[in-house]
């Protein structure tokens, strides 16, 4: 027996057309939305590519008395003198610790590691004297929560007249191997700075610096490069990139007079910043330069560097 007949629903033709138009509009809206999202993503990517690398910090070398001025100029950190820190009395050092902590302004690195009175090469080196100084210096640097020590110290490492350069090189390797465990225990990396002949007569090029670091073969002994010395020794920017696995820090200035940099057209800075991008550098760039008007020059330098890192 058949059940009751259900009514047949007949849709008008124009109803089907309206439904199709609605589906098309929906699909087009979805496509348009995806295009907008994609365009926004591309714009954000391009903007990120033009911003300062989040891993690069800009600081300035200065004395203990300059900390507040360095902070006020807009730098990210201060790089203090290791020798000055070591020379402080216990009371003065405690006051410095308090100032750094209360000011919430980091001491990212320290330079001027070994004073001229402590010899690293030659017949008169005193290993006990070296290590006593290094331990006190590293204790204080670590107490300030700094993690990089710059070993320029041209006078301390200068090879005496008549002394073998090969023997002096071996002495530097031995010294660095002895201090590496001390640095590691305090979460510090010691960075050796290749300098011009005027500053020191050993380790005068990036290649010589790399040779030294390879001879030491310790991750807590690396390189710092200074654009002033790179200019003085006529280093090709490709040398920076070639040494990228060993470079942990940079010093920066306008090499024309070693003054505070201010404008893109005052020196050929482009190859240096191109090298930074090529090596994917992330770390500190400290201004190590002369100025007679810090309050005026320092903010200009900060603005210049932040712009240069976006180019």
Protein backbone atom coordinates (compact mmCIF):
# COMPACT_ATOMS: atom_id res chain seq x y z
CA UNK A 1 0.00 0.00 0.00
CA UNK A 2 1.40 3.29 -1.00
CA UNK A 3 1.92 5.98 1.57
CA UNK A 4 0.64 9.48 1.17
CA UNK A 5 2.01 11.38 -1.73
CA UNK A 6 4.47 14.14 -0.72
CA UNK A 7 4.14 17.41 -2.51
CA UNK A 8 6.77 18.10 -5.10
CA UNK A 9 8.65 21.33 -4.56
CA UNK A 10 9.46 23.09 -7.76
CA UNK A 11 12.20 25.80 -7.52
CA UNK A 12 11.90 28.67 -9.88
CA UNK A 13 14.79 28.98 -12.36
CA UNK A 14 15.66 32.47 -11.18
CA UNK A 15 16.12 31.10 -7.63
CA UNK A 16 18.91 28.77 -8.83
CA UNK A 17 20.60 31.68 -10.58
CA UNK A 18 20.51 33.78 -7.40
CA UNK A 19 22.07 30.93 -5.42
CA UNK A 20 24.89 30.61 -7.96
CA UNK A 21 25.56 34.33 -7.82
CA UNK A 22 25.73 34.14 -4.02
CA UNK A 23 28.25 31.26 -4.18
CA UNK A 24 30.42 33.19 -6.64
CA UNK A 25 30.37 36.29 -4.47
CA UNK A 26 31.33 34.20 -1.44
CA UNK A 27 34.25 32.61 -3.29
CA UNK A 28 35.42 35.97 -4.61
CA UNK A 29 35.26 37.47 -1.11
CA UNK A 30 37.32 34.59 0.25
CA UNK A 31 39.92 35.02 -2.50
CA UNK A 32 40.07 38.77 -1.87
CA UNK A 33 40.52 38.18 1.85
CA UNK A 34 43.39 35.75 1.21
CA UNK A 35 45.03 38.30 -1.08
CA UNK A 36 44.78 40.99 1.58
CA UNK A 37 46.30 38.66 4.19
CA UNK A 38 49.11 37.70 1.81
CA UNK A 39 49.87 41.34 0.98
CA UNK A 40 49.99 42.23 4.67
CA UNK A 41 52.35 39.34 5.33
CA UNK A 42 54.65 40.47 2.52
CA UNK A 43 54.66 44.05 3.82
CA UNK A 44 55.45 42.87 7.34
CA UNK A 45 58.30 40.71 6.01
CA UNK A 46 59.76 43.60 4.06
CA UNK A 47 59.44 45.90 7.05
CA UNK A 48 61.21 43.37 9.25
CA UNK A 49 64.00 43.11 6.74
CA UNK A 50 64.51 46.87 6.95
CA UNK A 51 64.51 47.07 10.73
CA UNK A 52 67.57 46.86 12.96
CA UNK A 53 68.43 43.25 13.69
CA UNK A 54 67.01 42.46 17.13
CA UNK A 55 70.29 40.69 17.95
CA UNK A 56 72.49 43.76 17.47
CA UNK A 57 73.01 46.09 20.42
CA UNK A 58 74.67 49.51 20.26
CA UNK A 59 76.89 50.63 23.10
CA UNK A 60 79.71 53.01 23.94
CA UNK A 61 83.07 52.61 25.64
CA UNK A 62 83.42 54.89 28.63
CA UNK A 63 84.60 55.36 32.18
CA UNK A 64 82.57 54.57 35.27
CA UNK A 65 81.64 58.26 35.56
CA UNK A 66 80.09 58.18 32.07
CA UNK A 67 77.49 55.48 32.68
CA UNK A 68 74.54 57.84 33.12
CA UNK A 69 75.60 59.93 30.10
CA UNK A 70 75.87 56.83 27.90
CA UNK A 71 72.41 55.71 29.01
CA UNK A 72 70.95 59.19 28.47
CA UNK A 73 72.33 59.34 24.92
CA UNK A 74 70.20 56.36 23.93
CA UNK A 75 72.77 53.55 23.81
CA UNK A 76 71.75 50.01 24.74
CA UNK A 77 74.70 49.38 27.04
CA UNK A 78 78.04 50.68 28.30
CA UNK A 79 81.46 49.09 27.81
CA UNK A 80 83.66 49.88 30.82
CA UNK A 81 87.43 49.65 31.27
CA UNK A 82 88.46 46.40 32.94
CA UNK A 83 91.59 48.02 34.34
CA UNK A 84 89.55 50.81 35.89
CA UNK A 85 87.16 48.31 37.47
CA UNK A 86 90.03 46.29 38.94
CA UNK A 87 91.66 49.42 40.38
CA UNK A 88 88.54 50.39 42.36
CA UNK A 89 88.53 49.86 46.09
CA UNK A 90 86.10 47.25 47.40
CA UNK A 91 83.81 50.05 48.62
CA UNK A 92 83.88 51.88 45.29
CA UNK A 93 83.25 48.64 43.39
CA UNK A 94 80.26 47.86 45.60
CA UNK A 95 78.94 51.34 44.82
CA UNK A 96 79.41 50.67 41.08
CA UNK A 97 77.51 47.40 41.37
CA UNK A 98 74.67 49.22 43.10
CA UNK A 99 74.61 51.94 40.44
CA UNK A 100 74.48 49.41 37.60
CA UNK A 101 71.72 47.43 39.30
CA UNK A 102 69.62 50.44 40.30
CA UNK A 103 70.03 52.10 36.91
CA UNK A 104 68.95 48.96 35.09
CA UNK A 105 71.55 49.74 32.44
CA UNK A 106 73.71 46.80 31.37
CA UNK A 107 77.48 46.60 31.28
CA UNK A 108 77.55 44.37 28.20
CA UNK A 109 81.35 44.25 27.83
CA UNK A 110 84.60 45.60 29.22
CA UNK A 111 87.80 46.59 27.40
CA UNK A 112 91.38 47.59 28.37
CA UNK A 113 91.84 44.13 29.87
CA UNK A 114 95.54 43.86 30.71
CA UNK A 115 97.46 46.95 31.88
CA UNK A 116 100.87 47.78 30.41
CA UNK A 117 102.55 46.82 33.70
CA UNK A 118 101.64 43.15 33.20
CA UNK A 119 103.61 41.70 30.29
CA UNK A 120 102.17 38.96 28.09
CA UNK A 121 105.24 38.47 25.89
CA UNK A 122 109.00 38.62 26.33
CA UNK A 123 111.54 37.29 28.82
CA UNK A 124 110.00 39.02 31.85
CA UNK A 125 106.50 37.57 31.95
CA UNK A 126 105.20 36.53 35.37
CA UNK A 127 102.49 33.87 35.09
CA UNK A 128 101.49 34.13 38.75
CA UNK A 129 101.05 37.89 38.40
CA UNK A 130 99.04 37.39 35.21
CA UNK A 131 96.64 34.89 36.77
CA UNK A 132 96.14 36.82 40.01
CA UNK A 133 95.12 39.89 38.01
CA UNK A 134 92.95 37.90 35.58
CA UNK A 135 91.00 36.20 38.36
CA UNK A 136 90.28 39.47 40.15
CA UNK A 137 89.33 41.15 36.88
CA UNK A 138 87.01 38.36 35.81
CA UNK A 139 85.39 38.15 39.24
CA UNK A 140 84.48 41.83 39.04
CA UNK A 141 83.40 41.72 35.41
CA UNK A 142 81.15 38.75 36.17
CA UNK A 143 79.73 40.54 39.21
CA UNK A 144 78.60 43.33 36.84
CA UNK A 145 76.92 40.66 34.68
CA UNK A 146 79.14 41.45 31.69
CA UNK A 147 80.02 38.55 29.42
CA UNK A 148 82.64 39.92 27.02
CA UNK A 149 86.15 41.15 27.79
CA UNK A 150 88.12 42.85 25.03
CA UNK A 151 91.82 42.02 24.95
CA UNK A 152 93.45 44.83 23.03
CA UNK A 153 96.18 45.74 25.51
CA UNK A 154 98.74 46.61 22.85
CA UNK A 155 101.43 47.62 25.34
CA UNK A 156 101.04 44.46 27.42
CA UNK A 157 101.37 42.18 24.43
CA UNK A 158 104.04 44.16 22.53
CA UNK A 159 107.01 41.97 21.69
CA UNK A 160 110.27 43.38 23.12
CA UNK A 161 113.05 44.22 20.67
CA UNK A 162 115.21 41.21 19.94
CA UNK A 163 112.64 38.71 21.24
CA UNK A 164 111.38 36.03 18.85
CA UNK A 165 107.92 36.72 17.42
CA UNK A 166 107.27 32.99 17.19
CA UNK A 167 108.08 32.62 20.87
CA UNK A 168 105.84 35.62 21.67
CA UNK A 169 103.00 34.06 19.69
CA UNK A 170 103.40 30.86 21.69
CA UNK A 171 103.32 32.90 24.91
CA UNK A 172 100.02 34.49 23.87
CA UNK A 173 98.59 31.06 23.06
CA UNK A 174 99.70 29.76 26.45
CA UNK A 175 98.24 32.79 28.26
CA UNK A 176 94.90 32.47 26.51
CA UNK A 177 94.74 28.74 27.18
CA UNK A 178 95.38 29.39 30.87
CA UNK A 179 92.68 32.05 31.20
CA UNK A 180 90.04 30.26 29.08
CA UNK A 181 88.83 27.98 31.93
CA UNK A 182 88.64 31.02 34.22
CA UNK A 183 86.48 32.80 31.64
CA UNK A 184 84.26 29.77 31.11
CA UNK A 185 83.66 29.40 34.85
CA UNK A 186 82.29 32.95 34.88
CA UNK A 187 80.36 32.81 31.58
CA UNK A 188 82.78 35.24 29.92
CA UNK A 189 84.21 35.28 26.40
CA UNK A 190 87.59 36.97 25.97
CA UNK A 191 87.84 38.61 22.55
CA UNK A 192 91.28 39.35 21.09
CA UNK A 193 91.60 42.53 19.03
CA UNK A 194 93.89 42.68 15.97
CA UNK A 195 95.56 46.09 16.08
CA UNK A 196 97.71 48.28 13.86
CA UNK A 197 101.50 48.32 14.14
CA UNK A 198 101.29 51.64 16.00
CA UNK A 199 99.38 49.95 18.81
CA UNK A 200 101.20 46.63 18.94
CA UNK A 201 103.68 44.62 16.90
CA UNK A 202 101.87 41.28 17.12
CA UNK A 203 98.43 40.18 15.85
CA UNK A 204 98.04 42.98 13.30
CA UNK A 205 95.48 41.50 10.90
CA UNK A 206 92.24 39.55 10.93
CA UNK A 207 94.07 36.53 9.50
CA UNK A 208 96.65 36.64 12.30
CA UNK A 209 93.84 36.94 14.81
CA UNK A 210 92.10 33.88 13.38
CA UNK A 211 95.41 31.98 13.46
CA UNK A 212 95.74 32.78 17.18
CA UNK A 213 92.17 31.77 17.98
CA UNK A 214 92.59 28.49 16.11
CA UNK A 215 95.82 27.78 17.98
CA UNK A 216 94.08 28.31 21.32
CA UNK A 217 91.07 26.30 20.16
CA UNK A 218 88.72 27.25 22.98
CA UNK A 219 85.16 28.64 22.57
CA UNK A 220 85.75 31.21 25.31
CA UNK A 221 88.57 32.85 23.34
CA UNK A 222 87.31 34.64 20.23
CA UNK A 223 87.83 37.86 18.19
CA UNK A 224 86.73 41.48 18.36
CA UNK A 225 87.18 43.63 15.25
CA UNK A 226 87.57 47.42 15.25
CA UNK A 227 86.68 49.33 12.08
CA UNK A 228 89.45 51.82 12.89
CA UNK A 229 92.14 49.14 12.77
CA UNK A 230 90.52 47.48 9.77
CA UNK A 231 90.90 50.81 7.97
CA UNK A 232 94.45 51.43 9.22
CA UNK A 233 95.62 48.00 8.05
CA UNK A 234 93.69 48.22 4.76
CA UNK A 235 91.72 45.05 5.42
CA UNK A 236 89.29 43.97 2.73
CA UNK A 237 85.72 43.70 4.07
CA UNK A 238 85.70 40.10 2.87
CA UNK A 239 88.12 39.34 5.73
CA UNK A 240 85.33 40.15 8.19
CA UNK A 241 83.01 37.64 6.57
CA UNK A 242 85.76 35.03 6.35
CA UNK A 243 86.28 35.31 10.11
CA UNK A 244 82.57 35.26 10.98
CA UNK A 245 82.81 32.03 13.00
CA UNK A 246 85.26 33.68 15.39
CA UNK A 247 83.96 37.26 15.69
CA UNK A 248 81.93 37.94 18.85
CA UNK A 249 82.14 41.73 19.16
CA UNK A 250 82.82 44.94 17.23
CA UNK A 251 84.29 48.36 17.98
CA UNK A 252 83.18 51.21 15.77
CA UNK A 253 84.09 54.82 14.93
CA UNK A 254 84.59 57.16 12.01
CA UNK A 255 88.12 56.01 11.08
CA UNK A 256 88.89 59.51 9.80
CA UNK A 257 90.23 60.76 13.12
CA UNK A 258 88.63 57.94 15.15
CA UNK A 259 85.77 60.24 16.09
CA UNK A 260 82.09 59.63 16.72
CA UNK A 261 80.35 58.74 13.44
CA UNK A 262 77.51 61.02 12.40
CA UNK A 263 76.73 60.84 8.66
CA UNK A 264 76.64 58.15 6.00
CA UNK A 265 78.64 60.27 3.55
CA UNK A 266 81.60 61.05 5.87
CA UNK A 267 83.26 57.67 5.27
CA UNK A 268 82.66 54.59 3.11
CA UNK A 269 80.71 52.65 5.73
CA UNK A 270 78.69 50.58 3.25
CA UNK A 271 81.13 47.63 2.93
CA UNK A 272 81.27 47.24 6.71
CA UNK A 273 77.50 47.05 7.15
CA UNK A 274 77.19 44.81 4.10
CA UNK A 275 79.67 42.45 5.78
CA UNK A 276 77.58 42.48 8.98
CA UNK A 277 74.51 41.45 7.00
CA UNK A 278 76.41 38.80 5.09
CA UNK A 279 77.76 37.21 8.25
CA UNK A 280 74.33 37.44 9.96
CA UNK A 281 75.99 39.16 12.90
CA UNK A 282 74.15 39.49 16.18
CA UNK A 283 75.96 40.97 19.13
CA UNK A 284 77.38 44.24 20.32
CA UNK A 285 78.79 47.20 18.43
CA UNK A 286 80.58 49.57 20.80
CA UNK A 287 81.60 53.10 19.91
CA UNK A 288 85.31 53.38 20.67
CA UNK A 289 86.05 56.93 19.57
CA UNK A 290 87.05 60.46 20.56
CA UNK A 291 84.70 63.37 21.13
CA UNK A 292 84.96 66.79 22.69
CA UNK A 293 81.19 67.09 23.05
CA UNK A 294 79.67 63.79 24.11
CA UNK A 295 76.25 65.27 24.89
CA UNK A 296 75.97 66.56 21.33
CA UNK A 297 77.73 63.82 19.37
CA UNK A 298 76.51 60.67 21.12
CA UNK A 299 72.77 60.96 20.26
CA UNK A 300 73.69 61.68 16.63
CA UNK A 301 75.85 58.56 16.59
CA UNK A 302 73.05 56.41 18.02
CA UNK A 303 70.64 57.68 15.35
CA UNK A 304 73.23 57.17 12.62
CA UNK A 305 73.96 53.58 13.65
CA UNK A 306 70.31 52.60 13.98
CA UNK A 307 69.67 53.97 10.50
CA UNK A 308 72.80 52.34 9.06
CA UNK A 309 71.73 48.93 10.39
CA UNK A 310 68.47 49.25 8.41
CA UNK A 311 70.13 49.95 5.05
